[in-house]
């Protein structure tokens, strides 16, 4: 159930990024362009800080570091919380 919610939030995040990108070229969205791009910039800064905080824990999971960086920059905690939660659940059993 929780993974479904995280996946839906990831889809919503991608839709938001696409909406922000569309605001650059679609005339009716130009009025919202500044706020959308400001939110995207704030998310990028927050996600970069998140990556710096969790990169050591993510390094323990066997995937390429670039893979983790890209996903954390796109989705933030929506990416790494399920990874760390399932990793801890598997190590406890």
N, C-alpha and C. Protein backbone atom coordinates (compact mmCIF):
# COMPACT_ATOMS: atom_id res chain seq x y z
N UNK A 1 0.82 -1.19 0.00
CA UNK A 1 0.00 0.00 0.00
C UNK A 1 0.86 1.27 0.00
N UNK A 2 1.87 1.26 0.88
CA UNK A 2 2.74 2.43 0.95
C UNK A 2 3.53 2.62 -0.34
N UNK A 3 3.95 1.51 -0.95
CA UNK A 3 4.70 1.64 -2.21
C UNK A 3 3.79 2.19 -3.32
N UNK A 4 2.52 1.86 -3.29
CA UNK A 4 1.58 2.40 -4.27
C UNK A 4 1.45 3.91 -4.11
N UNK A 5 1.38 4.36 -2.87
CA UNK A 5 1.29 5.80 -2.62
C UNK A 5 2.56 6.50 -3.09
N UNK A 6 3.72 5.92 -2.79
CA UNK A 6 4.97 6.51 -3.25
C UNK A 6 5.03 6.55 -4.78
N UNK A 7 4.58 5.49 -5.44
CA UNK A 7 4.58 5.47 -6.90
C UNK A 7 3.64 6.53 -7.48
N UNK A 8 2.48 6.70 -6.87
CA UNK A 8 1.56 7.75 -7.33
C UNK A 8 2.15 9.14 -7.13
N UNK A 9 2.83 9.33 -6.01
CA UNK A 9 3.49 10.62 -5.78
C UNK A 9 4.64 10.85 -6.76
N UNK A 10 5.33 9.77 -7.16
CA UNK A 10 6.38 9.90 -8.17
C UNK A 10 5.79 10.34 -9.51
N UNK A 11 4.65 9.75 -9.87
CA UNK A 11 3.98 10.14 -11.11
C UNK A 11 3.56 11.60 -11.03
N UNK A 12 3.03 12.02 -9.90
CA UNK A 12 2.64 13.42 -9.72
C UNK A 12 3.85 14.35 -9.83
N UNK A 13 4.99 13.90 -9.31
CA UNK A 13 6.22 14.70 -9.40
C UNK A 13 6.65 14.85 -10.85
N UNK A 14 6.61 13.78 -11.61
CA UNK A 14 6.98 13.85 -13.03
C UNK A 14 6.01 14.77 -13.78
N UNK A 15 4.73 14.67 -13.48
CA UNK A 15 3.75 15.55 -14.12
C UNK A 15 4.05 17.01 -13.78
N UNK A 16 4.42 17.27 -12.53
CA UNK A 16 4.77 18.64 -12.15
C UNK A 16 5.98 19.14 -12.94
N UNK A 17 7.02 18.30 -13.05
CA UNK A 17 8.21 18.70 -13.82
C UNK A 17 7.85 18.97 -15.28
N UNK A 18 7.00 18.12 -15.85
CA UNK A 18 6.58 18.32 -17.24
C UNK A 18 5.76 19.60 -17.38
N UNK A 19 4.93 19.89 -16.40
CA UNK A 19 4.15 21.12 -16.42
C UNK A 19 5.06 22.34 -16.36
N UNK A 20 6.08 22.28 -15.52
CA UNK A 20 7.04 23.38 -15.43
C UNK A 20 7.79 23.55 -16.76
N UNK A 21 8.16 22.43 -17.37
CA UNK A 21 8.82 22.50 -18.67
C UNK A 21 7.88 23.04 -19.74
N UNK A 22 6.63 22.62 -19.69
CA UNK A 22 5.65 23.09 -20.67
C UNK A 22 5.38 24.58 -20.52
N UNK A 23 5.56 25.10 -19.32
CA UNK A 23 5.31 26.53 -19.11
C UNK A 23 6.27 27.40 -19.91
N UNK A 24 7.37 26.81 -20.36
CA UNK A 24 8.33 27.56 -21.17
C UNK A 24 7.84 27.78 -22.59
N UNK A 25 6.96 26.89 -23.07
CA UNK A 25 6.56 26.97 -24.48
C UNK A 25 5.06 27.12 -24.70
N UNK A 26 4.25 26.82 -23.72
CA UNK A 26 2.80 26.90 -23.90
C UNK A 26 2.31 28.23 -23.33
N UNK A 27 1.69 29.02 -24.18
CA UNK A 27 1.30 30.38 -23.83
C UNK A 27 0.42 30.49 -22.59
N UNK A 28 -0.65 29.70 -22.42
CA UNK A 28 -1.49 29.87 -21.23
C UNK A 28 -0.76 29.60 -19.90
N UNK A 29 0.33 28.87 -19.95
CA UNK A 29 1.08 28.57 -18.73
C UNK A 29 2.15 29.61 -18.40
N UNK A 30 2.36 30.56 -19.28
CA UNK A 30 3.41 31.57 -19.05
C UNK A 30 3.16 32.37 -17.77
N UNK A 31 1.90 32.54 -17.41
CA UNK A 31 1.59 33.29 -16.19
C UNK A 31 2.07 32.58 -14.93
N UNK A 32 2.21 31.27 -15.01
CA UNK A 32 2.65 30.48 -13.86
C UNK A 32 4.12 30.08 -13.94
N UNK A 33 4.77 30.53 -15.00
CA UNK A 33 6.14 30.08 -15.26
C UNK A 33 7.10 30.41 -14.12
N UNK A 34 7.05 31.60 -13.59
CA UNK A 34 8.00 32.01 -12.55
C UNK A 34 7.83 31.17 -11.29
N UNK A 35 6.59 30.96 -10.86
CA UNK A 35 6.37 30.19 -9.64
C UNK A 35 6.75 28.73 -9.86
N UNK A 36 6.43 28.17 -11.03
CA UNK A 36 6.78 26.78 -11.31
C UNK A 36 8.29 26.58 -11.32
N UNK A 37 9.00 27.47 -11.99
CA UNK A 37 10.46 27.34 -12.06
C UNK A 37 11.12 27.60 -10.71
N UNK A 38 10.52 28.46 -9.90
CA UNK A 38 11.04 28.69 -8.54
C UNK A 38 10.89 27.43 -7.69
N UNK A 39 9.74 26.77 -7.82
CA UNK A 39 9.52 25.52 -7.07
C UNK A 39 10.48 24.44 -7.55
N UNK A 40 10.70 24.35 -8.86
CA UNK A 40 11.64 23.36 -9.39
C UNK A 40 13.05 23.64 -8.87
N UNK A 41 13.44 24.90 -8.83
CA UNK A 41 14.78 25.24 -8.31
C UNK A 41 14.90 24.90 -6.83
N UNK A 42 13.85 25.17 -6.06
CA UNK A 42 13.87 24.84 -4.63
C UNK A 42 13.93 23.32 -4.44
N UNK A 43 13.19 22.57 -5.26
CA UNK A 43 13.25 21.11 -5.18
C UNK A 43 14.64 20.60 -5.54
N UNK A 44 15.26 21.19 -6.53
CA UNK A 44 16.60 20.76 -6.93
C UNK A 44 17.60 20.96 -5.79
N UNK A 45 17.51 22.10 -5.11
CA UNK A 45 18.40 22.36 -3.98
C UNK A 45 18.12 21.39 -2.83
N UNK A 46 16.84 21.18 -2.53
CA UNK A 46 16.47 20.27 -1.45
C UNK A 46 16.90 18.84 -1.76
N UNK A 47 16.71 18.41 -3.00
CA UNK A 47 17.07 17.05 -3.38
C UNK A 47 18.59 16.85 -3.40
N UNK A 48 19.33 17.89 -3.76
CA UNK A 48 20.79 17.79 -3.72
C UNK A 48 21.26 17.64 -2.27
N UNK A 49 20.64 18.39 -1.37
CA UNK A 49 20.99 18.27 0.05
C UNK A 49 20.61 16.89 0.57
N UNK A 50 19.45 16.39 0.16
CA UNK A 50 19.03 15.04 0.55
C UNK A 50 20.04 14.00 0.09
N UNK A 51 20.49 14.14 -1.15
CA UNK A 51 21.45 13.16 -1.67
C UNK A 51 22.73 13.17 -0.84
N UNK A 52 23.20 14.36 -0.48
CA UNK A 52 24.41 14.44 0.33
C UNK A 52 24.22 13.78 1.70
N UNK A 53 23.00 13.85 2.22
CA UNK A 53 22.72 13.25 3.53
C UNK A 53 22.60 11.72 3.48
N UNK A 54 22.09 11.18 2.39
CA UNK A 54 21.82 9.74 2.36
C UNK A 54 22.74 8.96 1.42
N UNK A 55 23.71 9.61 0.81
CA UNK A 55 24.53 8.91 -0.19
C UNK A 55 25.31 7.74 0.40
N UNK A 56 25.76 7.85 1.64
CA UNK A 56 26.49 6.73 2.24
C UNK A 56 25.60 5.51 2.44
N UNK A 57 24.36 5.75 2.86
CA UNK A 57 23.43 4.63 3.02
C UNK A 57 23.06 4.04 1.66
N UNK A 58 22.90 4.91 0.67
CA UNK A 58 22.56 4.42 -0.67
C UNK A 58 23.73 3.66 -1.30
N UNK A 59 24.95 4.00 -0.92
CA UNK A 59 26.12 3.32 -1.46
C UNK A 59 26.15 1.85 -1.04
N UNK A 60 25.49 1.54 0.07
CA UNK A 60 25.44 0.15 0.53
C UNK A 60 24.50 -0.71 -0.32
N UNK A 61 23.60 -0.07 -1.04
CA UNK A 61 22.68 -0.77 -1.92
C UNK A 61 23.37 -0.96 -3.26
N UNK A 62 23.32 -2.16 -3.79
CA UNK A 62 24.09 -2.47 -4.99
C UNK A 62 23.44 -1.94 -6.27
N UNK A 63 23.66 -0.68 -6.53
CA UNK A 63 23.28 -0.03 -7.78
C UNK A 63 24.33 1.03 -8.04
N UNK A 64 24.40 1.48 -9.27
CA UNK A 64 25.38 2.50 -9.63
C UNK A 64 25.08 3.81 -8.91
N UNK A 65 26.11 4.52 -8.51
CA UNK A 65 25.94 5.78 -7.79
C UNK A 65 25.19 6.81 -8.63
N UNK A 66 25.43 6.82 -9.92
CA UNK A 66 24.73 7.75 -10.81
C UNK A 66 23.24 7.49 -10.85
N UNK A 67 22.88 6.23 -10.73
CA UNK A 67 21.47 5.85 -10.69
C UNK A 67 20.80 6.46 -9.47
N UNK A 68 21.46 6.36 -8.32
CA UNK A 68 20.91 6.95 -7.10
C UNK A 68 20.83 8.47 -7.21
N UNK A 69 21.87 9.08 -7.74
CA UNK A 69 21.89 10.54 -7.86
C UNK A 69 20.72 11.02 -8.72
N UNK A 70 20.54 10.41 -9.87
CA UNK A 70 19.46 10.82 -10.78
C UNK A 70 18.10 10.67 -10.11
N UNK A 71 17.87 9.53 -9.48
CA UNK A 71 16.57 9.30 -8.86
C UNK A 71 16.31 10.20 -7.65
N UNK A 72 17.34 10.44 -6.86
CA UNK A 72 17.15 11.34 -5.71
C UNK A 72 16.92 12.77 -6.21
N UNK A 73 17.61 13.19 -7.25
CA UNK A 73 17.40 14.52 -7.79
C UNK A 73 15.99 14.68 -8.37
N UNK A 74 15.44 13.61 -8.93
CA UNK A 74 14.08 13.69 -9.47
C UNK A 74 13.01 13.54 -8.40
N UNK A 75 13.17 12.57 -7.52
CA UNK A 75 12.09 12.20 -6.62
C UNK A 75 12.36 12.44 -5.14
N UNK A 76 13.59 12.71 -4.75
CA UNK A 76 13.90 12.96 -3.35
C UNK A 76 13.60 11.77 -2.46
N UNK A 77 12.94 12.02 -1.34
CA UNK A 77 12.68 10.95 -0.37
C UNK A 77 11.74 9.88 -0.92
N UNK A 78 10.99 10.21 -1.97
CA UNK A 78 10.11 9.20 -2.58
C UNK A 78 10.92 8.06 -3.16
N UNK A 79 12.18 8.31 -3.49
CA UNK A 79 13.05 7.26 -4.01
C UNK A 79 13.77 6.50 -2.90
N UNK A 80 14.39 7.23 -1.98
CA UNK A 80 15.29 6.54 -1.06
C UNK A 80 14.62 5.96 0.18
N UNK A 81 13.51 6.49 0.63
CA UNK A 81 12.85 5.90 1.80
C UNK A 81 12.42 4.46 1.54
N UNK A 82 11.74 4.17 0.42
CA UNK A 82 11.38 2.76 0.19
C UNK A 82 12.61 1.85 0.05
N UNK A 83 13.68 2.34 -0.53
CA UNK A 83 14.89 1.52 -0.66
C UNK A 83 15.48 1.19 0.70
N UNK A 84 15.61 2.18 1.54
CA UNK A 84 16.20 1.94 2.84
C UNK A 84 15.26 1.14 3.74
N UNK A 85 13.96 1.36 3.61
CA UNK A 85 12.99 0.63 4.42
C UNK A 85 12.99 -0.85 4.05
N UNK A 86 12.95 -1.16 2.75
CA UNK A 86 12.95 -2.56 2.34
C UNK A 86 14.31 -3.21 2.63
N UNK A 87 15.38 -2.43 2.52
CA UNK A 87 16.70 -2.98 2.84
C UNK A 87 16.79 -3.34 4.32
N UNK A 88 16.29 -2.46 5.19
CA UNK A 88 16.29 -2.74 6.63
C UNK A 88 15.36 -3.88 6.97
N UNK A 89 14.21 -3.99 6.32
CA UNK A 89 13.27 -5.07 6.58
C UNK A 89 13.87 -6.40 6.18
N UNK A 90 14.62 -6.42 5.06
CA UNK A 90 15.24 -7.67 4.62
C UNK A 90 16.39 -8.06 5.52
N UNK A 91 17.11 -7.10 6.07
CA UNK A 91 18.24 -7.44 6.94
C UNK A 91 17.78 -7.90 8.32
N UNK A 92 16.58 -7.50 8.73
CA UNK A 92 16.06 -7.92 10.04
C UNK A 92 15.49 -9.33 10.04
N UNK A 93 15.16 -9.85 8.88
CA UNK A 93 14.58 -11.20 8.82
C UNK A 93 15.60 -12.25 8.62
